[in-house]
Amino acid sequence: MNLGKLTELMIGSHPQKVEELKDYFEQIDKLINPAIEQFTKKKIESIIKMKYEAGTLGEKWVNIKEYEDECKADLKEGIAKKHNNGYVFITINPKPDVSLGDFREKVEKFCERNMFTEYRYVLEQRSETEADMGKGFHAHILLKRNLDYKPYKIGVNTKNTFKTLAKVDNPQILNIQHIGADFAKDKDEYMTGVKTGENKDKKQAIDVLWRKENNIESVYGDQFTF
């Protein structure tokens, strides 16, 4: 390896005796050779790591990486269960000037993002009469979190997604709850079951008419595997 320039810089430009130069070269070798050896080792380790991550290091290492990934997933699942935050329940109320079509499209795209592995959502409205049917339409969304995404990051991304359609800093407009599996089951039943009390039965009857008129399904997404 040509490190003549480095050697020259380390020796300096002043004339020296042969014996002094010999000793100095030996000292330089003691510094440079271990450094080159350490540098080489780091580069080899870096290349091996890249091939390991790419799955091109051989069958043995592919199997080890798969097992390692399984262990990481189990750990993340355990942490989510411990903190009761493996699921997300969101209620979003768009601004009055937002069209139903734009809102539906935004909700659907949001649910299909990589932040989530499963989703279900319903579109509802708040009217109890046919006269103002469709007034105050909104969405309830239940999502299973991709555990590679922290709850905080999901909150930030959710606000960024809906910031043009709603006042996302108002929790009465955009409400985000990080919940565990038991609470998620309750929310799933709340979305898809029959609601009672406070004239909710009247509102649900109008929901049915409104959905039929606007070609809206009663629920979107697949049944959750809690």
Foldseek 3Di string as FASTA:
>chain_A
DDPPVVLDVVVDDDDDDPVVVVVSVVVVCVVPVVVVVVVVVVVVVVVCVVCLVVVNPDDVSNVVVVVVVVVVVVVLVVVCQVVFFQKKKKKAFFDPPDDPVVVVVLVVVLQPDPQFDFKKKFWFADDLDPVPQPHRIIMIMMTGGPSVDDPVNNLVVVCVSCVVTHVSVDCVRIPMDGGHDVVSVVVVCVLQHQDDDPSSNSRVVSRVVNCVVVVHDSMDTDDDDD
